[in-house]
Amino acid sequence: MVTDTMGKVCIVGVGYVGEHLLGAFAGVHPTIGFDISDRRIKELSTKYGELEHVTLTTDEALLDQAQHYLISVPTLIKADHSVDFSHLKSALSTVFRHAKPGNTIVIESSVSVGTTRQLFSSVQHLFNCGMSPERVDPGRTFPAACDIPKIISGLSPKALTVITKLYSSVFNHVVPVSTPEVAEMTKLFENCYRMINIAYVNEISDSCRKLGIDPNEMIDAAATKPYGFQAFRPGLGVGGHCIPVNPSYLFQTCPDLPILEESTKLMRDRPLKLARELHAHCSSSTLASTDLQPRVLVVGVGFKPGQSVISHSPGIDFATQLNELGCDRLAFYDPLVSQAQLSWMEKLETVDFTPEELAADFDVIAICSRQRGVDFKVLDQLPSEMVWSYD
């Protein structure tokens, strides 16, 4: 039931993560979704536009109507792997122009430790400021977003009390922590933990294959241990908006983390390394007696199964490396990713995804992810040496 007893909530930045916040808070409070992208607002209007208590806008003036502001804008990584806070600083400047004393401002974007306190240093006496790191997992339907424990923090006891009340109205389990620094570090620790473990399981899986062991069978066996073990699966790499970039946020204030540093390097290099191995294998075997370059079909270029987002996609890194090495034909097959998203590489259409067409037109099929909508039984009908699976 939607009620305005606590005032109106404004989600600043309704992109990948912000839309999830919009959906959660709009179920309880009158909500504004603000974004600088006209295209994004038009996209969301088809889904939320008929809800009377939801306002979608690019008009900054409407921010005057809100009492609570949740900031969910990208924090990007520069070419040198340092963090670009320009979007976050711009969003906060916009909010500061419209927020009134006593209003709530919470950063949901991933940031380096200490960023929240630094960015609010000159205004924390005016507003109830805090940090609540997002825990959005695209494609996940269970548990529901409102059932995922929500970390919250405030820059003062009063701010924490106000933020706790606001978030408790939407989430079934809020977890207050003592400072924004704890909240910031929690998010980075969670995702860097995954980075390190995935890097390790990839190394072990590569060793298993050399020994003739099925790595997934081994992992399944290990997972029967009821304590001290969590299963991670091997793959081509890690993608999306969080895991690949969160180490850079952590290195900003914690530069002496050699295990994480090495794991991050291994994961960045893995798609390129495997692409070089595949290209070399084709050149030394299938095409050894010719002057031809391999013809490769890359299956699954969304950053993970069920997703059309290609941000930091290991499948695209893999394909890019193959393109640089040289291929007589390089194409991708992914029902969820459009040709417009990946204009430099040919998209194979579903009508051509048949055993006969694939066997005639390609030397090797590289499965980069088990994308939804792909009929993998088609590939079972091809010679096993033609199909390389990295999932």
Protein backbone atom coordinates (compact mmCIF):
# COMPACT_ATOMS: atom_id res chain seq x y z
CA MET A 1 0.00 0.00 0.00
CA VAL A 2 1.39 3.39 -1.03
CA THR A 3 1.37 6.11 1.63
CA ASP A 4 2.81 9.62 1.75
CA THR A 5 3.14 9.82 5.55
CA MET A 6 6.94 9.81 5.28
CA GLY A 7 7.10 12.09 2.26
CA LYS A 8 8.18 11.57 -1.32
CA VAL A 9 11.27 9.58 -2.33
CA CYS A 10 13.44 10.58 -5.30
CA ILE A 11 15.68 8.03 -6.99
CA VAL A 12 18.46 10.01 -8.67
CA GLY A 13 19.69 7.88 -11.55
CA VAL A 14 17.26 5.20 -12.73
CA GLY A 15 19.58 3.08 -14.79
CA TYR A 16 20.66 -0.47 -14.17
CA VAL A 17 20.50 -0.31 -10.35
CA GLY A 18 18.24 2.70 -9.90
CA GLU A 19 15.31 0.96 -11.57
CA HIS A 20 15.36 -1.71 -8.87
CA LEU A 21 15.25 0.98 -6.19
CA LEU A 22 12.42 2.69 -8.04
CA GLY A 23 10.41 -0.52 -8.12
CA ALA A 24 11.02 -1.22 -4.43
CA PHE A 25 10.22 2.25 -3.07
CA ALA A 26 7.33 2.90 -5.48
CA GLY A 27 5.49 0.01 -3.87
CA VAL A 28 5.39 1.91 -0.57
CA HIS A 29 5.98 5.64 -1.14
CA PRO A 30 5.18 8.27 -3.77
CA THR A 31 8.36 8.16 -5.82
CA ILE A 32 10.19 10.29 -8.37
CA GLY A 33 12.56 8.67 -10.83
CA PHE A 34 15.01 11.31 -12.08
CA ASP A 35 17.55 10.79 -14.83
CA ILE A 36 19.42 13.04 -17.28
CA SER A 37 18.66 10.60 -20.13
CA ASP A 38 15.44 11.26 -22.06
CA ARG A 39 15.74 7.83 -23.64
CA ARG A 40 15.92 6.10 -20.27
CA ILE A 41 12.89 7.96 -18.94
CA LYS A 42 10.91 6.99 -22.06
CA GLU A 43 11.92 3.34 -21.58
CA LEU A 44 10.74 3.32 -17.96
CA SER A 45 7.52 5.16 -18.82
CA THR A 46 6.25 2.05 -20.61
CA LYS A 47 6.58 0.13 -17.33
CA TYR A 48 5.78 2.68 -14.63
CA GLY A 49 4.11 5.55 -16.51
CA GLU A 50 0.54 4.60 -15.61
CA LEU A 51 1.20 4.51 -11.85
CA GLU A 52 -0.23 7.71 -10.35
CA HIS A 53 2.23 7.78 -7.46
CA VAL A 54 5.32 7.48 -9.74
CA THR A 55 6.80 10.47 -11.56
CA LEU A 56 9.50 9.88 -14.18
CA THR A 57 11.33 12.98 -15.27
CA THR A 58 14.43 14.71 -16.57
CA ASP A 59 13.18 18.00 -15.11
CA GLU A 60 15.44 18.92 -12.21
CA ALA A 61 12.83 21.32 -10.81
CA LEU A 62 10.64 18.39 -9.70
CA LEU A 63 13.29 17.39 -7.16
CA ASP A 64 11.86 20.19 -4.97
CA GLN A 65 8.94 17.86 -4.21
CA ALA A 66 11.00 15.15 -2.49
CA GLN A 67 12.01 14.68 1.13
CA HIS A 68 14.32 11.70 0.60
CA TYR A 69 16.99 11.36 -2.11
CA LEU A 70 18.66 8.05 -3.00
CA ILE A 71 21.67 8.46 -5.30
CA SER A 72 22.19 5.61 -7.75
CA VAL A 73 24.49 6.77 -10.54
CA PRO A 74 27.51 5.05 -12.11
CA THR A 75 30.96 5.29 -10.56
CA LEU A 76 33.13 4.40 -13.52
CA ILE A 77 36.73 3.30 -13.89
CA LYS A 78 39.22 5.37 -15.89
CA ALA A 79 41.77 3.89 -18.28
CA ASP A 80 44.38 3.85 -15.50
CA HIS A 81 41.92 1.93 -13.25
CA SER A 82 41.36 4.91 -10.94
CA VAL A 83 37.78 5.74 -9.94
CA ASP A 84 35.76 8.41 -11.74
CA PHE A 85 33.38 10.06 -9.28
CA SER A 86 32.24 12.78 -11.69
CA HIS A 87 28.70 11.37 -12.13
CA LEU A 88 28.25 11.01 -8.38
CA LYS A 89 29.53 14.52 -7.65
CA SER A 90 27.26 15.94 -10.36
CA ALA A 91 24.23 14.09 -8.96
CA LEU A 92 24.93 15.34 -5.45
CA SER A 93 25.34 18.92 -6.68
CA THR A 94 21.92 18.63 -8.30
CA VAL A 95 20.35 17.29 -5.10
CA PHE A 96 21.99 19.95 -2.93
CA ARG A 97 20.30 22.62 -5.06
CA HIS A 98 16.85 21.26 -4.17
CA ALA A 99 17.05 19.43 -0.84
CA LYS A 100 15.79 21.24 2.25
CA PRO A 101 17.30 21.12 5.74
CA GLY A 102 16.31 17.88 7.45
CA ASN A 103 15.88 15.95 4.18
CA THR A 104 17.51 12.55 3.71
CA ILE A 105 20.32 11.91 1.21
CA VAL A 106 21.72 8.39 0.82
CA ILE A 107 24.43 7.20 -1.56
CA GLU A 108 23.62 3.77 -3.06
CA SER A 109 26.43 3.82 -5.65
CA SER A 110 29.57 1.77 -4.99
CA VAL A 111 32.37 4.02 -3.77
CA SER A 112 35.83 3.88 -2.23
CA VAL A 113 36.07 3.77 1.55
CA GLY A 114 35.75 7.28 2.98
CA THR A 115 33.96 8.76 -0.03
CA THR A 116 30.59 9.28 1.67
CA ARG A 117 32.08 11.25 4.54
CA GLN A 118 34.22 13.31 2.17
CA LEU A 119 31.39 14.21 -0.23
CA PHE A 120 29.00 15.17 2.59
CA SER A 121 31.58 16.99 4.75
CA SER A 122 30.22 20.47 4.04
CA VAL A 123 26.49 19.64 4.28
CA GLN A 124 26.10 16.85 6.83
CA HIS A 125 24.87 19.38 9.43
CA LEU A 126 21.99 20.28 7.08
CA PHE A 127 20.78 16.86 5.93
CA ASN A 128 20.44 13.30 7.18
CA CYS A 129 23.27 11.79 5.15
CA GLY A 130 24.30 8.17 4.83
CA MET A 131 25.37 5.27 2.68
CA SER A 132 23.51 2.06 1.76
CA PRO A 133 25.37 -0.08 -0.78
CA GLU A 134 23.14 -1.65 -3.42
CA ARG A 135 22.90 -5.43 -3.60
CA VAL A 136 21.16 -5.79 -6.94
CA ASP A 137 21.77 -9.11 -8.70
CA PRO A 138 20.36 -8.86 -12.26
CA GLY A 139 18.18 -11.80 -13.21
CA ARG A 140 17.71 -13.05 -9.66
CA THR A 141 14.10 -13.62 -8.65
CA PHE A 142 14.73 -15.30 -5.29
CA PRO A 143 15.01 -14.00 -2.73
CA ALA A 144 12.87 -11.00 -3.59
CA ALA A 145 14.61 -7.63 -3.45
CA CYS A 146 12.76 -6.66 -0.28
CA ASP A 147 13.98 -9.85 1.44
CA ILE A 148 17.69 -9.28 0.77
CA PRO A 149 19.22 -7.79 3.95
CA LYS A 150 19.95 -4.08 3.39
CA ILE A 151 23.07 -2.50 4.88
CA ILE A 152 22.44 1.06 6.06
CA SER A 153 24.57 3.73 7.72
CA GLY A 154 24.41 7.38 8.71
CA LEU A 155 26.88 10.16 9.37
CA SER A 156 25.18 10.91 12.70
CA PRO A 157 22.96 8.99 15.14
CA LYS A 158 19.97 11.07 14.02
CA ALA A 159 20.70 10.38 10.35
CA LEU A 160 20.93 6.65 11.04
CA THR A 161 17.59 6.72 12.86
CA VAL A 162 15.88 8.50 9.95
CA ILE A 163 17.48 6.24 7.33
CA THR A 164 16.58 3.13 9.33
CA LYS A 165 12.93 4.18 9.43
CA LEU A 166 12.86 4.93 5.69
CA TYR A 167 14.50 1.68 4.59
CA SER A 168 12.58 -0.44 7.10
CA SER A 169 9.37 0.66 5.38
CA VAL A 170 10.55 -1.12 2.21
CA PHE A 171 13.01 -3.85 3.21
CA ASN A 172 12.16 -6.65 5.61
CA HIS A 173 15.63 -6.80 7.14
CA VAL A 174 17.79 -3.71 7.51
CA VAL A 175 21.30 -4.02 8.95
CA PRO A 176 22.49 -0.77 10.54
CA VAL A 177 26.27 -0.42 10.81
CA SER A 178 28.24 2.07 12.86
CA THR A 179 29.68 4.25 10.08
CA PRO A 180 29.45 4.79 6.32
CA GLU A 181 33.01 3.47 6.09
CA VAL A 182 31.80 0.08 7.36
CA ALA A 183 29.01 0.10 4.76
CA GLU A 184 31.41 1.06 1.96
CA MET A 185 33.93 -1.61 2.92
CA THR A 186 31.21 -4.26 3.28
CA LYS A 187 30.15 -3.86 -0.35
CA LEU A 188 33.73 -3.99 -1.64
CA PHE A 189 34.62 -6.95 0.58
CA GLU A 190 31.61 -8.93 -0.65
CA ASN A 191 32.46 -8.55 -4.32
CA CYS A 192 36.25 -8.79 -4.00
CA TYR A 193 35.71 -12.02 -2.04
CA ARG A 194 33.95 -13.37 -5.12
CA MET A 195 36.71 -12.12 -7.43
CA ILE A 196 39.40 -13.96 -5.44
CA ASN A 197 37.42 -17.20 -5.20
CA ILE A 198 36.49 -17.24 -8.88
CA ALA A 199 40.13 -16.68 -9.83
CA TYR A 200 41.11 -19.60 -7.60
CA VAL A 201 38.45 -21.97 -8.91
CA ASN A 202 39.49 -21.13 -12.49
CA GLU A 203 43.10 -22.09 -11.72
CA ILE A 204 42.03 -25.33 -10.05
CA SER A 205 39.65 -26.13 -12.92
CA ASP A 206 42.41 -25.65 -15.49
CA SER A 207 44.56 -28.09 -13.51
CA CYS A 208 41.67 -30.56 -13.25
CA ARG A 209 41.23 -30.62 -17.01
CA LYS A 210 44.93 -31.32 -17.53
CA LEU A 211 44.55 -34.30 -15.19
CA GLY A 212 41.42 -35.57 -16.95
CA ILE A 213 39.15 -34.56 -14.07
CA ASP A 214 35.76 -32.92 -14.60
CA PRO A 215 36.08 -29.74 -12.50
CA ASN A 216 32.34 -29.40 -11.94
CA GLU A 217 32.09 -32.97 -10.66
CA MET A 218 34.94 -32.21 -8.26
CA ILE A 219 33.24 -28.99 -7.09
CA ASP A 220 29.93 -30.83 -6.59
CA ALA A 221 31.74 -33.38 -4.44
CA ALA A 222 33.45 -30.68 -2.38
CA ALA A 223 30.12 -28.91 -1.89
CA THR A 224 28.80 -31.89 0.08
CA LYS A 225 30.96 -30.69 2.99
CA PRO A 226 28.45 -28.97 5.31
CA TYR A 227 30.88 -26.35 6.62
CA GLY A 228 33.94 -24.36 5.58
CA PHE A 229 33.24 -24.47 1.83
CA GLN A 230 31.23 -22.39 -0.65
CA ALA A 231 30.93 -23.51 -4.25
CA PHE A 232 32.17 -21.24 -7.04
CA ARG A 233 32.12 -22.28 -10.69
CA PRO A 234 34.80 -21.88 -13.38
CA GLY A 235 34.21 -19.63 -16.33
CA LEU A 236 35.68 -17.31 -18.90
CA GLY A 237 35.83 -14.37 -16.51
CA VAL A 238 33.67 -11.94 -14.54
CA GLY A 239 31.51 -9.19 -15.98
CA GLY A 240 28.93 -6.56 -15.17
CA HIS A 241 29.03 -3.32 -13.23
CA CYS A 242 30.38 -4.61 -9.90
CA ILE A 243 32.85 -7.47 -9.56
CA PRO A 244 35.31 -6.43 -12.31
CA VAL A 245 35.61 -2.85 -11.04
CA ASN A 246 35.17 -3.05 -7.26
CA PRO A 247 38.83 -3.97 -6.67
CA SER A 248 39.79 -0.60 -8.16
CA TYR A 249 37.58 1.15 -5.59
CA LEU A 250 39.27 -0.78 -2.80
CA PHE A 251 42.80 -0.16 -4.08
CA GLN A 252 42.03 3.57 -3.93
CA THR A 253 42.37 3.53 -0.13
CA CYS A 254 43.89 0.08 0.47
CA PRO A 255 46.74 -0.30 -2.04
CA ASP A 256 48.53 -3.15 -0.24
CA LEU A 257 46.29 -6.11 -1.11
CA PRO A 258 48.54 -8.45 -3.14
CA ILE A 259 46.17 -11.44 -3.21
CA LEU A 260 43.32 -9.31 -4.56
CA GLU A 261 45.68 -7.52 -6.94
CA GLU A 262 46.91 -10.79 -8.45
CA SER A 263 43.39 -12.25 -8.64
CA THR A 264 42.14 -9.12 -10.42
CA LYS A 265 44.97 -9.29 -12.93
CA LEU A 266 44.32 -12.98 -13.59
CA MET A 267 40.62 -12.34 -14.18
CA ARG A 268 41.26 -9.41 -16.52
CA ASP A 269 43.75 -11.46 -18.51
CA ARG A 270 41.82 -14.73 -18.61
CA PRO A 271 39.54 -14.07 -21.63
CA LEU A 272 42.54 -12.82 -23.62
CA LYS A 273 44.68 -15.80 -22.62
CA LEU A 274 42.00 -18.32 -23.59
CA ALA A 275 41.37 -16.54 -26.90
CA ARG A 276 45.08 -16.75 -27.73
CA GLU A 277 45.10 -20.45 -26.86
CA LEU A 278 42.08 -21.14 -29.08
CA HIS A 279 43.53 -19.18 -31.99
CA ALA A 280 46.89 -20.94 -31.68
CA HIS A 281 45.20 -24.35 -31.55
CA CYS A 282 43.23 -23.66 -34.73
CA SER A 283 46.30 -22.35 -36.51
CA SER A 284 48.38 -25.38 -35.57
CA SER A 285 45.78 -28.09 -36.19
CA THR A 286 42.62 -27.43 -38.22
CA LEU A 287 44.25 -24.86 -40.48
CA ALA A 288 47.88 -25.94 -40.20
CA SER A 289 48.31 -26.75 -43.89
CA THR A 290 46.60 -23.59 -45.17
CA ASP A 291 47.06 -19.84 -45.15
CA LEU A 292 43.58 -19.39 -43.73
CA GLN A 293 42.63 -17.82 -40.41
CA PRO A 294 40.04 -19.54 -38.17
CA ARG A 295 36.31 -18.97 -38.52
CA VAL A 296 34.93 -18.59 -35.00
CA LEU A 297 31.42 -18.30 -33.59
CA VAL A 298 31.25 -16.88 -30.06
CA VAL A 299 28.13 -18.03 -28.19
CA GLY A 300 26.90 -15.87 -25.30
CA VAL A 301 28.27 -12.33 -25.04
CA GLY A 302 25.95 -10.89 -22.39
CA PHE A 303 27.98 -10.47 -19.21
CA LYS A 304 26.16 -13.42 -17.64
CA PRO A 305 23.31 -15.81 -18.55
CA GLY A 306 19.95 -14.09 -18.82
CA GLN A 307 21.43 -10.64 -19.37
CA SER A 308 21.67 -8.44 -22.46
CA VAL A 309 24.04 -6.03 -20.71
CA ILE A 310 27.55 -6.23 -22.19
CA SER A 311 29.39 -4.07 -19.65
CA HIS A 312 32.80 -5.67 -18.94
CA SER A 313 31.60 -8.83 -20.69
CA PRO A 314 34.34 -11.49 -20.73
CA GLY A 315 32.81 -12.88 -23.92
CA ILE A 316 33.38 -9.57 -25.67
CA ASP A 317 36.95 -9.35 -24.35
CA PHE A 318 37.46 -12.86 -25.73
CA ALA A 319 36.03 -11.91 -29.14
CA THR A 320 38.01 -8.67 -29.26
CA GLN A 321 41.24 -10.58 -28.75
CA LEU A 322 40.32 -13.02 -31.53
CA ASN A 323 39.56 -10.10 -33.81
CA GLU A 324 42.99 -8.60 -33.12
CA LEU A 325 44.69 -11.95 -33.78
CA GLY A 326 42.82 -12.29 -37.07
CA CYS A 327 39.87 -14.43 -38.13
CA ASP A 328 38.50 -15.11 -41.60
CA ARG A 329 35.07 -14.95 -40.00
CA LEU A 330 34.12 -13.86 -36.50
CA ALA A 331 30.49 -13.82 -35.40
CA PHE A 332 28.47 -13.95 -32.19
CA TYR A 333 25.25 -15.74 -31.36
CA ASP A 334 23.25 -14.36 -28.45
CA PRO A 335 19.46 -13.98 -28.63
CA LEU A 336 19.50 -11.25 -25.96
CA VAL A 337 22.22 -9.02 -27.46
CA SER A 338 21.38 -6.95 -30.52
CA GLN A 339 23.55 -6.21 -33.53
CA ALA A 340 23.39 -2.51 -32.60
CA GLN A 341 25.04 -3.24 -29.26
CA LEU A 342 28.00 -4.91 -30.97
CA SER A 343 28.17 -3.30 -34.38
CA TRP A 344 31.78 -4.28 -35.13
CA MET A 345 31.04 -8.02 -35.12
CA GLU A 346 28.59 -10.03 -37.21
CA LYS A 347 25.53 -11.36 -35.38
CA LEU A 348 24.44 -14.85 -36.40
CA GLU A 349 20.68 -15.15 -36.64
CA THR A 350 18.73 -18.02 -35.10
CA VAL A 351 17.69 -19.34 -38.52
CA ASP A 352 21.37 -20.04 -39.23
CA PHE A 353 22.04 -21.69 -35.86
CA THR A 354 21.73 -25.27 -37.15
CA PRO A 355 24.23 -28.15 -37.08
CA GLU A 356 24.53 -28.13 -40.86
CA GLU A 357 25.13 -24.38 -41.16
CA LEU A 358 27.56 -24.27 -38.25
CA ALA A 359 29.61 -27.22 -39.48
CA ALA A 360 29.89 -25.68 -42.93
CA ASP A 361 30.55 -22.07 -41.92
CA PHE A 362 32.79 -22.27 -38.82
CA ASP A 363 35.91 -24.06 -37.66
CA VAL A 364 35.18 -23.69 -33.97
CA ILE A 365 32.32 -22.69 -31.65
CA ALA A 366 33.33 -20.98 -28.39
CA ILE A 367 30.71 -21.08 -25.63
CA CYS A 368 31.43 -18.06 -23.44
CA SER A 369 28.25 -18.25 -21.36
CA ARG A 370 25.14 -20.44 -21.19
CA GLN A 371 22.91 -17.66 -22.46
CA ARG A 372 19.16 -18.12 -22.13
CA GLY A 373 17.37 -18.73 -25.39
CA VAL A 374 20.25 -20.69 -26.93
CA ASP A 375 19.43 -24.26 -27.94
CA PHE A 376 22.65 -25.94 -26.83
CA LYS A 377 21.38 -29.30 -28.11
CA VAL A 378 22.30 -27.99 -31.56
CA LEU A 379 25.95 -27.94 -30.52
CA ASP A 380 25.72 -31.50 -29.18
CA GLN A 381 25.29 -32.61 -32.80
CA LEU A 382 28.67 -31.17 -33.83
CA PRO A 383 32.03 -32.95 -33.52
CA SER A 384 33.28 -32.53 -29.94
CA GLU A 385 36.60 -31.06 -31.08
CA MET A 386 34.70 -28.24 -32.78
CA VAL A 387 33.01 -26.98 -29.59
CA TRP A 388 35.06 -25.26 -26.89
CA SER A 389 33.12 -24.54 -23.70
CA TYR A 390 34.31 -21.96 -21.18
CA ASP A 391 31.17 -21.84 -19.07
